[in-house]
Amino acid sequence: MIRGDSNRKLSPAVRRAAALAILLALIAILYLGIAMPIVDAYQSIGANTVQLQDQLRRYQRAGNDRAQRQAELAALAQRSSAADGFLQGANATLIAVQIQNRLKSLADTAHAELRSTQVLPAQDEGALRRISVRGQFATNIAGALQIFHGLESQYPLLFIDNLDIRARQGNIREIRGRGNIDDSDALDLQFDIFGYTQGGH
């Protein structure tokens, strides 16, 4: 009776406040126990997804750069070998073409005429392979000196063999139309030029 009387003594406003407090407590319990872990898990998944996407983009960039990196490494290896003085190329024929191009460049620099080139047979010399080209020039003393200096100062290393220098008779002003070669020191210049590749074949 006393208990019932005390419940009846509670005013409607107090009862509503008590019910509201209980409801809020239940909501808080449900949020902390159920909703909040779900929200935290969702946020964690979102952060992990962003991180994974960033890693995926980095891997894709690395994959796209792989071919370029491999080409750069191959070029570095080739330059390193060339710096040691060795010729580089897929085969003796291509290397001989490189030597012929170098002779052409030297002739242009020296204002000489490269009259002919001839690829000579490759020769194995132990662990090395000798690639040779015979060149014939029409030039003068100054041009010959420029050609020899260019061969000596450039890489990969090339060597001269079977050198033949002859004074040339007659007018050679027709050389490339330059008109800058004096008849008094006109020369026919012929020599074998050779270099080495690593590893005999």
N, C-alpha and C. Protein backbone atom coordinates (compact mmCIF):
# COMPACT_ATOMS: atom_id res chain seq x y z
N MET A 1 0.84 -1.19 0.00
CA MET A 1 0.00 0.00 0.00
C MET A 1 0.87 1.24 0.00
N ILE A 2 1.91 1.20 0.77
CA ILE A 2 2.78 2.38 0.85
C ILE A 2 3.43 2.63 -0.49
N ARG A 3 3.85 1.46 -1.14
CA ARG A 3 4.53 1.59 -2.44
C ARG A 3 3.58 2.13 -3.48
N GLY A 4 2.41 1.59 -3.51
CA GLY A 4 1.43 2.08 -4.47
C GLY A 4 1.11 3.53 -4.23
N ASP A 5 1.03 3.91 -2.99
CA ASP A 5 0.75 5.30 -2.67
C ASP A 5 1.87 6.20 -3.18
N SER A 6 3.13 5.75 -3.03
CA SER A 6 4.24 6.60 -3.45
C SER A 6 4.23 6.76 -4.96
N ASN A 7 3.84 5.69 -5.75
CA ASN A 7 3.77 5.79 -7.20
C ASN A 7 2.70 6.79 -7.60
N ARG A 8 1.58 6.74 -6.80
CA ARG A 8 0.52 7.66 -7.15
C ARG A 8 0.91 9.09 -6.84
N LYS A 9 1.83 9.28 -5.92
CA LYS A 9 2.25 10.62 -5.56
C LYS A 9 3.13 11.25 -6.63
N LEU A 10 3.73 10.42 -7.60
CA LEU A 10 4.55 10.98 -8.67
C LEU A 10 3.67 11.72 -9.65
N SER A 11 4.09 12.88 -9.97
CA SER A 11 3.31 13.69 -10.90
C SER A 11 3.51 13.18 -12.32
N PRO A 12 2.59 13.47 -13.21
CA PRO A 12 2.74 13.06 -14.62
C PRO A 12 4.04 13.59 -15.24
N ALA A 13 4.45 14.78 -14.89
CA ALA A 13 5.68 15.36 -15.48
C ALA A 13 6.89 14.56 -15.06
N VAL A 14 6.94 14.14 -13.81
CA VAL A 14 8.09 13.36 -13.34
C VAL A 14 8.11 12.01 -14.01
N ARG A 15 6.92 11.42 -14.17
CA ARG A 15 6.88 10.12 -14.83
C ARG A 15 7.34 10.22 -16.28
N ARG A 16 6.93 11.28 -16.95
CA ARG A 16 7.37 11.46 -18.34
C ARG A 16 8.89 11.66 -18.42
N ALA A 17 9.43 12.42 -17.48
CA ALA A 17 10.88 12.65 -17.46
C ALA A 17 11.63 11.36 -17.21
N ALA A 18 11.08 10.54 -16.28
CA ALA A 18 11.73 9.27 -15.99
C ALA A 18 11.69 8.35 -17.19
N ALA A 19 10.55 8.33 -17.87
CA ALA A 19 10.44 7.48 -19.06
C ALA A 19 11.40 7.95 -20.15
N LEU A 20 11.49 9.27 -20.30
CA LEU A 20 12.41 9.82 -21.31
C LEU A 20 13.86 9.47 -20.98
N ALA A 21 14.21 9.56 -19.71
CA ALA A 21 15.58 9.23 -19.30
C ALA A 21 15.89 7.77 -19.58
N ILE A 22 14.89 6.91 -19.27
CA ILE A 22 15.10 5.48 -19.55
C ILE A 22 15.27 5.25 -21.04
N LEU A 23 14.44 5.93 -21.84
CA LEU A 23 14.53 5.78 -23.29
C LEU A 23 15.89 6.24 -23.81
N LEU A 24 16.35 7.38 -23.32
CA LEU A 24 17.67 7.90 -23.74
C LEU A 24 18.79 6.95 -23.32
N ALA A 25 18.64 6.37 -22.13
CA ALA A 25 19.65 5.41 -21.67
C ALA A 25 19.69 4.20 -22.58
N LEU A 26 18.50 3.73 -22.96
CA LEU A 26 18.45 2.58 -23.87
C LEU A 26 19.06 2.92 -25.23
N ILE A 27 18.73 4.11 -25.73
CA ILE A 27 19.31 4.53 -27.02
C ILE A 27 20.83 4.60 -26.93
N ALA A 28 21.34 5.18 -25.83
CA ALA A 28 22.79 5.28 -25.65
C ALA A 28 23.44 3.91 -25.60
N ILE A 29 22.76 2.98 -24.88
CA ILE A 29 23.31 1.63 -24.78
C ILE A 29 23.34 0.96 -26.16
N LEU A 30 22.23 1.14 -26.90
CA LEU A 30 22.18 0.54 -28.24
C LEU A 30 23.26 1.17 -29.16
N TYR A 31 23.44 2.48 -29.08
CA TYR A 31 24.43 3.15 -29.94
C TYR A 31 25.84 2.69 -29.60
N LEU A 32 26.14 2.70 -28.28
CA LEU A 32 27.50 2.33 -27.87
C LEU A 32 27.77 0.85 -28.11
N GLY A 33 26.76 0.05 -27.97
CA GLY A 33 26.97 -1.38 -28.10
C GLY A 33 26.86 -1.92 -29.51
N ILE A 34 26.07 -1.26 -30.35
CA ILE A 34 25.82 -1.80 -31.70
C ILE A 34 26.23 -0.81 -32.79
N ALA A 35 25.63 0.35 -32.77
CA ALA A 35 25.84 1.30 -33.88
C ALA A 35 27.27 1.83 -33.93
N MET A 36 27.82 2.19 -32.78
CA MET A 36 29.16 2.79 -32.78
C MET A 36 30.23 1.83 -33.32
N PRO A 37 30.24 0.56 -32.90
CA PRO A 37 31.21 -0.38 -33.50
C PRO A 37 31.05 -0.51 -35.01
N ILE A 38 29.78 -0.48 -35.49
CA ILE A 38 29.56 -0.57 -36.94
C ILE A 38 30.13 0.65 -37.64
N VAL A 39 29.88 1.83 -37.08
CA VAL A 39 30.41 3.07 -37.67
C VAL A 39 31.93 3.05 -37.66
N ASP A 40 32.52 2.64 -36.55
CA ASP A 40 33.98 2.57 -36.47
C ASP A 40 34.54 1.59 -37.51
N ALA A 41 33.87 0.44 -37.63
CA ALA A 41 34.33 -0.54 -38.60
C ALA A 41 34.22 0.00 -40.02
N TYR A 42 33.13 0.71 -40.31
CA TYR A 42 32.95 1.29 -41.65
C TYR A 42 34.03 2.33 -41.94
N GLN A 43 34.32 3.19 -40.94
CA GLN A 43 35.36 4.19 -41.14
C GLN A 43 36.73 3.53 -41.35
N SER A 44 36.99 2.45 -40.59
CA SER A 44 38.25 1.74 -40.75
C SER A 44 38.36 1.11 -42.13
N ILE A 45 37.26 0.53 -42.61
CA ILE A 45 37.25 -0.06 -43.95
C ILE A 45 37.50 1.02 -45.01
N GLY A 46 36.86 2.18 -44.82
CA GLY A 46 37.05 3.28 -45.75
C GLY A 46 38.50 3.74 -45.80
N ALA A 47 39.13 3.86 -44.62
CA ALA A 47 40.53 4.27 -44.57
C ALA A 47 41.43 3.23 -45.23
N ASN A 48 41.15 1.95 -44.96
CA ASN A 48 41.93 0.89 -45.59
C ASN A 48 41.75 0.88 -47.10
N THR A 49 40.53 1.15 -47.55
CA THR A 49 40.27 1.19 -48.99
C THR A 49 41.07 2.30 -49.66
N VAL A 50 41.10 3.46 -49.05
CA VAL A 50 41.88 4.58 -49.59
C VAL A 50 43.36 4.22 -49.65
N GLN A 51 43.84 3.59 -48.57
CA GLN A 51 45.24 3.19 -48.53
C GLN A 51 45.55 2.15 -49.61
N LEU A 52 44.66 1.18 -49.77
CA LEU A 52 44.86 0.16 -50.79
C LEU A 52 44.82 0.76 -52.19
N GLN A 53 43.91 1.69 -52.42
CA GLN A 53 43.84 2.36 -53.73
C GLN A 53 45.12 3.13 -54.02
N ASP A 54 45.65 3.79 -52.99
CA ASP A 54 46.91 4.53 -53.17
C ASP A 54 48.05 3.58 -53.49
N GLN A 55 48.11 2.45 -52.78
CA GLN A 55 49.15 1.46 -53.06
C GLN A 55 48.99 0.90 -54.47
N LEU A 56 47.74 0.65 -54.87
CA LEU A 56 47.49 0.13 -56.21
C LEU A 56 47.96 1.11 -57.28
N ARG A 57 47.71 2.40 -57.08
CA ARG A 57 48.19 3.42 -58.04
C ARG A 57 49.70 3.43 -58.10
N ARG A 58 50.36 3.29 -56.95
CA ARG A 58 51.83 3.26 -56.94
C ARG A 58 52.35 2.04 -57.69
N TYR A 59 51.72 0.88 -57.47
CA TYR A 59 52.15 -0.32 -58.18
C TYR A 59 51.92 -0.20 -59.68
N GLN A 60 50.80 0.42 -60.05
CA GLN A 60 50.53 0.61 -61.47
C GLN A 60 51.56 1.53 -62.11
N ARG A 61 51.93 2.61 -61.39
CA ARG A 61 52.97 3.50 -61.91
C ARG A 61 54.29 2.76 -62.04
N ALA A 62 54.60 1.96 -61.02
CA ALA A 62 55.85 1.19 -61.08
C ALA A 62 55.83 0.21 -62.24
N GLY A 63 54.66 -0.42 -62.47
CA GLY A 63 54.55 -1.35 -63.59
C GLY A 63 54.69 -0.65 -64.93
N ASN A 64 54.10 0.54 -65.04
CA ASN A 64 54.22 1.30 -66.28
C ASN A 64 55.65 1.76 -66.54
N ASP A 65 56.39 2.02 -65.46
CA ASP A 65 57.77 2.49 -65.59
C ASP A 65 58.77 1.35 -65.77
N ARG A 66 58.30 0.12 -65.66
CA ARG A 66 59.23 -1.01 -65.67
C ARG A 66 60.02 -1.10 -66.97
N ALA A 67 59.31 -0.99 -68.09
CA ALA A 67 60.00 -1.08 -69.38
C ALA A 67 61.02 0.04 -69.54
N GLN A 68 60.63 1.23 -69.11
CA GLN A 68 61.56 2.37 -69.20
C GLN A 68 62.77 2.14 -68.30
N ARG A 69 62.54 1.65 -67.10
CA ARG A 69 63.66 1.40 -66.17
C ARG A 69 64.60 0.34 -66.73
N GLN A 70 64.01 -0.72 -67.32
CA GLN A 70 64.84 -1.77 -67.89
C GLN A 70 65.67 -1.23 -69.05
N ALA A 71 65.07 -0.36 -69.87
CA ALA A 71 65.81 0.24 -70.98
C ALA A 71 66.93 1.12 -70.46
N GLU A 72 66.66 1.87 -69.38
CA GLU A 72 67.69 2.73 -68.81
C GLU A 72 68.84 1.90 -68.23
N LEU A 73 68.49 0.78 -67.57
CA LEU A 73 69.53 -0.09 -67.03
C LEU A 73 70.38 -0.69 -68.14
N ALA A 74 69.72 -1.10 -69.23
CA ALA A 74 70.46 -1.66 -70.36
C ALA A 74 71.38 -0.61 -70.98
N ALA A 75 70.87 0.63 -71.08
CA ALA A 75 71.70 1.70 -71.64
C ALA A 75 72.88 2.01 -70.74
N LEU A 76 72.64 1.98 -69.41
CA LEU A 76 73.74 2.21 -68.47
C LEU A 76 74.80 1.12 -68.59
N ALA A 77 74.34 -0.12 -68.70
CA ALA A 77 75.29 -1.23 -68.84
C ALA A 77 76.09 -1.10 -70.13
N GLN A 78 75.40 -0.67 -71.20
CA GLN A 78 76.09 -0.52 -72.48
C GLN A 78 77.10 0.63 -72.41
N ARG A 79 76.68 1.75 -71.80
CA ARG A 79 77.61 2.88 -71.68
C ARG A 79 78.80 2.51 -70.81
N SER A 80 78.54 1.72 -69.76
CA SER A 80 79.64 1.29 -68.89
C SER A 80 80.64 0.45 -69.67
N SER A 81 80.12 -0.48 -70.49
CA SER A 81 81.00 -1.31 -71.29
C SER A 81 81.73 -0.49 -72.34
N ALA A 82 81.01 0.47 -72.97
CA ALA A 82 81.63 1.32 -73.97
C ALA A 82 82.71 2.18 -73.33
N ALA A 83 82.47 2.62 -72.08
CA ALA A 83 83.46 3.42 -71.39
C ALA A 83 84.74 2.63 -71.15
N ASP A 84 84.62 1.31 -71.11
CA ASP A 84 85.80 0.46 -70.99
C ASP A 84 86.51 0.29 -72.32
N GLY A 85 85.93 0.84 -73.39
CA GLY A 85 86.57 0.81 -74.69
C GLY A 85 86.06 -0.24 -75.65
N PHE A 86 85.07 -1.05 -75.25
CA PHE A 86 84.61 -2.14 -76.10
C PHE A 86 83.47 -1.69 -77.01
N LEU A 87 83.44 -2.26 -78.21
CA LEU A 87 82.35 -2.01 -79.14
C LEU A 87 81.09 -2.72 -78.67
N GLN A 88 79.94 -2.16 -79.01
CA GLN A 88 78.67 -2.72 -78.60
C GLN A 88 77.78 -2.94 -79.82
N GLY A 89 77.10 -4.07 -79.88
CA GLY A 89 76.19 -4.33 -80.98
C GLY A 89 75.68 -5.75 -80.94
N ALA A 90 74.57 -5.99 -81.64
CA ALA A 90 73.95 -7.32 -81.62
C ALA A 90 74.79 -8.35 -82.36
N ASN A 91 75.52 -7.91 -83.39
CA ASN A 91 76.36 -8.84 -84.14
C ASN A 91 77.47 -8.07 -84.84
N ALA A 92 78.40 -8.80 -85.46
CA ALA A 92 79.57 -8.17 -86.08
C ALA A 92 79.18 -7.25 -87.23
N THR A 93 78.14 -7.59 -87.96
CA THR A 93 77.72 -6.77 -89.09
C THR A 93 77.26 -5.38 -88.62
N LEU A 94 76.43 -5.36 -87.59
CA LEU A 94 75.94 -4.08 -87.07
C LEU A 94 77.07 -3.26 -86.47
N ILE A 95 78.00 -3.92 -85.82
CA ILE A 95 79.14 -3.20 -85.25
C ILE A 95 80.00 -2.61 -86.36
N ALA A 96 80.20 -3.35 -87.45
CA ALA A 96 80.97 -2.84 -88.58
C ALA A 96 80.28 -1.61 -89.18
N VAL A 97 78.96 -1.61 -89.22
CA VAL A 97 78.23 -0.44 -89.72
C VAL A 97 78.49 0.76 -88.82
N GLN A 98 78.55 0.55 -87.50
CA GLN A 98 78.87 1.64 -86.58
C GLN A 98 80.25 2.21 -86.87
N ILE A 99 81.21 1.34 -87.14
CA ILE A 99 82.57 1.81 -87.46
C ILE A 99 82.55 2.60 -88.77
N GLN A 100 81.82 2.12 -89.77
CA GLN A 100 81.72 2.85 -91.03
C GLN A 100 81.10 4.23 -90.82
N ASN A 101 80.08 4.30 -89.99
CA ASN A 101 79.46 5.60 -89.70
C ASN A 101 80.43 6.53 -89.00
N ARG A 102 81.25 5.96 -88.14
CA ARG A 102 82.24 6.79 -87.45
C ARG A 102 83.28 7.31 -88.43
N LEU A 103 83.71 6.48 -89.38
CA LEU A 103 84.64 6.95 -90.41
C LEU A 103 84.01 8.08 -91.23
N LYS A 104 82.74 7.93 -91.56
CA LYS A 104 82.03 8.98 -92.31
C LYS A 104 82.00 10.28 -91.52
N SER A 105 81.71 10.18 -90.21
CA SER A 105 81.67 11.37 -89.36
C SER A 105 83.05 12.03 -89.28
N LEU A 106 84.09 11.21 -89.14
CA LEU A 106 85.45 11.76 -89.09
C LEU A 106 85.82 12.46 -90.40
N ALA A 107 85.43 11.87 -91.52
CA ALA A 107 85.72 12.48 -92.82
C ALA A 107 85.01 13.83 -92.95
N ASP A 108 83.76 13.90 -92.51
CA ASP A 108 83.02 15.15 -92.58
C ASP A 108 83.69 16.22 -91.72
N THR A 109 84.09 15.85 -90.51
CA THR A 109 84.73 16.80 -89.61
C THR A 109 86.04 17.32 -90.19
N ALA A 110 86.79 16.44 -90.85
CA ALA A 110 88.10 16.82 -91.39
C ALA A 110 88.00 17.39 -92.81
N HIS A 111 86.79 17.56 -93.35
CA HIS A 111 86.59 18.04 -94.72
C HIS A 111 87.33 17.15 -95.71
N ALA A 112 87.30 15.86 -95.44
CA ALA A 112 87.93 14.88 -96.32
C ALA A 112 86.85 14.12 -97.06
N GLU A 113 87.25 13.37 -98.06
CA GLU A 113 86.32 12.53 -98.81
C GLU A 113 86.57 11.07 -98.46
N LEU A 114 85.56 10.44 -97.94
CA LEU A 114 85.63 9.00 -97.68
C LEU A 114 85.29 8.29 -98.98
N ARG A 115 86.31 7.80 -99.66
CA ARG A 115 86.11 7.24 -101.00
C ARG A 115 85.51 5.83 -100.94
N SER A 116 85.88 5.04 -99.95
CA SER A 116 85.33 3.69 -99.87
C SER A 116 85.56 3.11 -98.48
N THR A 117 84.74 2.13 -98.13
CA THR A 117 84.94 1.34 -96.92
C THR A 117 84.72 -0.13 -97.27
N GLN A 118 85.39 -1.00 -96.56
CA GLN A 118 85.27 -2.44 -96.78
C GLN A 118 85.29 -3.14 -95.44
N VAL A 119 84.25 -3.91 -95.16
CA VAL A 119 84.20 -4.67 -93.91
C VAL A 119 85.08 -5.89 -94.06
N LEU A 120 86.00 -6.06 -93.13
CA LEU A 120 86.91 -7.20 -93.15
C LEU A 120 86.36 -8.31 -92.25
N PRO A 121 86.80 -9.56 -92.47
CA PRO A 121 86.30 -10.67 -91.65
C PRO A 121 86.62 -10.46 -90.16
N ALA A 122 85.64 -10.78 -89.31
CA ALA A 122 85.87 -10.70 -87.87
C ALA A 122 86.81 -11.81 -87.44
N GLN A 123 87.58 -11.53 -86.39
CA GLN A 123 88.56 -12.51 -85.89
C GLN A 123 88.43 -12.63 -84.38
N ASP A 124 88.41 -13.87 -83.91
CA ASP A 124 88.42 -14.11 -82.47
C ASP A 124 89.85 -14.09 -81.96
N GLU A 125 90.05 -13.33 -80.89
CA GLU A 125 91.37 -13.25 -80.26
C GLU A 125 91.19 -13.53 -78.77
N GLY A 126 91.22 -14.80 -78.44
CA GLY A 126 91.00 -15.20 -77.05
C GLY A 126 89.56 -14.89 -76.64
N ALA A 127 89.40 -14.15 -75.55
CA ALA A 127 88.08 -13.81 -75.05
C ALA A 127 87.48 -12.61 -75.78
N LEU A 128 88.22 -12.04 -76.74
CA LEU A 128 87.75 -10.86 -77.47
C LEU A 128 87.52 -11.19 -78.94
N ARG A 129 86.71 -10.34 -79.58
CA ARG A 129 86.49 -10.48 -81.01
C ARG A 129 86.85 -9.17 -81.69
N ARG A 130 87.67 -9.27 -82.72
CA ARG A 130 88.15 -8.11 -83.44
C ARG A 130 87.26 -7.84 -84.65
N ILE A 131 86.72 -6.61 -84.72
CA ILE A 131 85.87 -6.17 -85.84
C ILE A 131 86.65 -5.10 -86.59
N SER A 132 86.85 -5.30 -87.91
CA SER A 132 87.71 -4.41 -88.69
C SER A 132 86.99 -3.88 -89.92
N VAL A 133 87.34 -2.65 -90.28
CA VAL A 133 86.84 -2.01 -91.50
C VAL A 133 88.01 -1.29 -92.16
N ARG A 134 88.11 -1.42 -93.47
CA ARG A 134 89.16 -0.72 -94.23
C ARG A 134 88.55 0.53 -94.84
N GLY A 135 89.23 1.66 -94.66
CA GLY A 135 88.74 2.92 -95.20
C GLY A 135 89.76 3.58 -96.09
N GLN A 136 89.27 4.27 -97.12
CA GLN A 136 90.15 5.01 -98.03
C GLN A 136 89.64 6.44 -98.13
N PHE A 137 90.56 7.42 -97.94
CA PHE A 137 90.19 8.83 -97.90
C PHE A 137 91.00 9.60 -98.94
N ALA A 138 90.43 10.67 -99.43
CA ALA A 138 91.18 11.70 -100.14
C ALA A 138 91.16 12.93 -99.25
N THR A 139 92.34 13.41 -98.86
CA THR A 139 92.40 14.49 -97.88
C THR A 139 93.73 15.22 -98.04
N ASN A 140 94.12 15.94 -97.01
CA ASN A 140 95.43 16.57 -96.97
C ASN A 140 96.04 16.31 -95.60
N ILE A 141 97.20 16.91 -95.35
CA ILE A 141 97.89 16.63 -94.08
C ILE A 141 97.04 17.04 -92.89
N ALA A 142 96.46 18.23 -92.95
CA ALA A 142 95.64 18.70 -91.82
C ALA A 142 94.44 17.78 -91.61
N GLY A 143 93.79 17.36 -92.72
CA GLY A 143 92.65 16.47 -92.59
C GLY A 143 93.04 15.12 -92.02
N ALA A 144 94.20 14.60 -92.45
CA ALA A 144 94.67 13.32 -91.93
C ALA A 144 94.91 13.41 -90.42
N LEU A 145 95.50 14.52 -89.98
CA LEU A 145 95.75 14.69 -88.54
C LEU A 145 94.44 14.74 -87.76
N GLN A 146 93.44 15.42 -88.33
CA GLN A 146 92.13 15.46 -87.66
C GLN A 146 91.52 14.08 -87.56
N ILE A 147 91.63 13.31 -88.61
CA ILE A 147 91.07 11.95 -88.60
C ILE A 147 91.76 11.10 -87.55
N PHE A 148 93.09 11.15 -87.49
CA PHE A 148 93.83 10.36 -86.51
C PHE A 148 93.49 10.80 -85.09
N HIS A 149 93.38 12.12 -84.90
CA HIS A 149 93.05 12.61 -83.56
C HIS A 149 91.65 12.15 -83.14
N GLY A 150 90.70 12.20 -84.08
CA GLY A 150 89.35 11.75 -83.75
C GLY A 150 89.31 10.28 -83.39
N LEU A 151 90.09 9.47 -84.08
CA LEU A 151 90.13 8.05 -83.76
C LEU A 151 90.74 7.81 -82.38
N GLU A 152 91.71 8.62 -82.03
CA GLU A 152 92.43 8.43 -80.77
C GLU A 152 91.65 8.92 -79.57
N SER A 153 90.82 9.95 -79.75
CA SER A 153 90.22 10.63 -78.60
C SER A 153 88.79 10.21 -78.32
N GLN A 154 88.17 9.39 -79.15
CA GLN A 154 86.77 9.03 -78.97
C GLN A 154 86.63 7.59 -78.46
N TYR A 155 85.46 7.34 -77.86
CA TYR A 155 85.11 6.00 -77.39
C TYR A 155 83.93 5.47 -78.19
N PRO A 156 83.81 4.16 -78.34
CA PRO A 156 84.74 3.11 -77.92
C PRO A 156 86.05 3.17 -78.68
N LEU A 157 87.06 2.50 -78.15
CA LEU A 157 88.40 2.57 -78.71
C LEU A 157 88.49 1.89 -80.07
N LEU A 158 89.17 2.56 -81.00
CA LEU A 158 89.47 1.99 -82.31
C LEU A 158 90.96 2.13 -82.56
N PHE A 159 91.51 1.18 -83.31
CA PHE A 159 92.95 1.13 -83.56
C PHE A 159 93.21 1.09 -85.06
N ILE A 160 94.37 1.61 -85.45
CA ILE A 160 94.74 1.67 -86.87
C ILE A 160 95.77 0.59 -87.18
N ASP A 161 95.60 -0.03 -88.35
CA ASP A 161 96.54 -1.04 -88.82
C ASP A 161 96.68 -0.87 -90.33
N ASN A 162 97.80 -1.34 -90.85
CA ASN A 162 98.05 -1.32 -92.31
C ASN A 162 97.87 0.09 -92.90
N LEU A 163 98.50 1.06 -92.26
CA LEU A 163 98.38 2.45 -92.70
C LEU A 163 99.18 2.67 -93.99
N ASP A 164 98.54 3.30 -94.96
CA ASP A 164 99.19 3.61 -96.24
C ASP A 164 98.85 5.06 -96.60
N ILE A 165 99.89 5.90 -96.67
CA ILE A 165 99.72 7.32 -97.02
C ILE A 165 100.52 7.59 -98.28
N ARG A 166 99.85 8.17 -99.28
CA ARG A 166 100.52 8.47 -100.53
C ARG A 166 100.19 9.90 -100.97
N ALA A 167 101.22 10.58 -101.49
CA ALA A 167 100.99 11.91 -102.06
C ALA A 167 100.15 11.75 -103.32
N ARG A 168 99.20 12.64 -103.48
CA ARG A 168 98.26 12.52 -104.59
C ARG A 168 98.61 13.53 -105.67
N GLN A 169 98.56 13.10 -106.88
CA GLN A 169 98.86 13.95 -108.01
C GLN A 169 97.58 14.56 -108.56
N GLY A 170 97.68 15.77 -109.09
CA GLY A 170 96.54 16.39 -109.76
C GLY A 170 95.66 17.17 -108.81
N ASN A 171 94.68 17.81 -109.38
CA ASN A 171 93.78 18.69 -108.64
C ASN A 171 92.71 17.87 -107.92
N ILE A 172 92.51 18.13 -106.64
CA ILE A 172 91.47 17.42 -105.89
C ILE A 172 90.45 18.40 -105.31
N ARG A 173 90.33 19.55 -105.93
CA ARG A 173 89.39 20.53 -105.41
C ARG A 173 87.93 20.09 -105.59
N GLU A 174 87.73 18.98 -106.29
CA GLU A 174 86.37 18.50 -106.46
C GLU A 174 85.83 17.86 -105.19
N ILE A 175 86.68 17.65 -104.18
CA ILE A 175 86.25 16.96 -102.97
C ILE A 175 85.15 17.76 -102.29
N ARG A 176 83.95 17.22 -102.35
CA ARG A 176 82.77 17.81 -101.72
C ARG A 176 82.56 19.27 -102.11
N GLY A 177 83.25 19.75 -103.17
CA GLY A 177 83.06 21.11 -103.61
C GLY A 177 83.51 22.15 -102.62
N ARG A 178 84.35 21.75 -101.64
CA ARG A 178 84.75 22.68 -100.59
C ARG A 178 85.87 23.60 -101.07
N GLY A 179 86.70 23.11 -101.99
CA GLY A 179 87.78 23.93 -102.50
C GLY A 179 88.76 24.39 -101.43
N ASN A 180 88.89 23.62 -100.36
CA ASN A 180 89.75 24.06 -99.25
C ASN A 180 90.94 23.14 -99.05
N ILE A 181 91.24 22.25 -100.01
CA ILE A 181 92.39 21.35 -99.90
C ILE A 181 93.48 21.81 -100.87
N ASP A 182 94.62 22.09 -100.32
CA ASP A 182 95.74 22.57 -101.12
C ASP A 182 96.34 21.43 -101.94
N ASP A 183 96.55 21.65 -103.26
CA ASP A 183 97.12 20.61 -104.11
C ASP A 183 98.50 20.16 -103.62
N SER A 184 99.20 21.04 -102.93
CA SER A 184 100.59 20.74 -102.58
C SER A 184 100.68 19.66 -101.51
N ASP A 185 99.64 19.42 -100.70
CA ASP A 185 99.72 18.37 -99.67
C ASP A 185 98.56 17.38 -99.79
N ALA A 186 98.07 17.20 -101.02
CA ALA A 186 96.98 16.25 -101.23
C ALA A 186 97.46 14.82 -100.97
N LEU A 187 96.60 14.07 -100.29
CA LEU A 187 96.99 12.71 -99.88
C LEU A 187 95.89 11.71 -100.23
N ASP A 188 96.33 10.50 -100.56
CA ASP A 188 95.47 9.32 -100.52
C ASP A 188 95.80 8.58 -99.23
N LEU A 189 94.80 8.38 -98.43
CA LEU A 189 94.99 7.80 -97.10
C LEU A 189 94.17 6.52 -97.01
N GLN A 190 94.83 5.43 -96.65
CA GLN A 190 94.13 4.16 -96.49
C GLN A 190 94.63 3.46 -95.24
N PHE A 191 93.71 2.87 -94.48
CA PHE A 191 94.11 2.11 -93.30
C PHE A 191 92.97 1.19 -92.89
N ASP A 192 93.32 0.19 -92.09
CA ASP A 192 92.33 -0.67 -91.45
C ASP A 192 92.07 -0.11 -90.06
N ILE A 193 90.82 -0.03 -89.70
CA ILE A 193 90.46 0.43 -88.36
C ILE A 193 89.70 -0.69 -87.68
N PHE A 194 90.04 -0.97 -86.42
CA PHE A 194 89.39 -2.11 -85.75
C PHE A 194 89.19 -1.81 -84.26
N GLY A 195 88.23 -2.52 -83.69
CA GLY A 195 87.97 -2.47 -82.26
C GLY A 195 87.59 -3.85 -81.80
N TYR A 196 87.28 -3.95 -80.51
CA TYR A 196 87.01 -5.28 -79.93
C TYR A 196 85.65 -5.30 -79.23
N THR A 197 85.01 -6.45 -79.32
CA THR A 197 83.84 -6.75 -78.51
C THR A 197 84.25 -7.77 -77.44
N GLN A 198 83.51 -7.80 -76.36
CA GLN A 198 83.80 -8.76 -75.29
C GLN A 198 83.22 -10.11 -75.62
N GLY A 199 84.02 -11.12 -75.52
CA GLY A 199 83.55 -12.49 -75.76
C GLY A 199 83.66 -12.87 -77.20
N GLY A 200 84.47 -13.89 -77.51
CA GLY A 200 84.57 -14.38 -78.86
C GLY A 200 83.32 -15.13 -79.26
N HIS A 201 83.06 -15.22 -80.57
CA HIS A 201 81.85 -15.91 -81.06
C HIS A 201 82.27 -17.07 -81.97
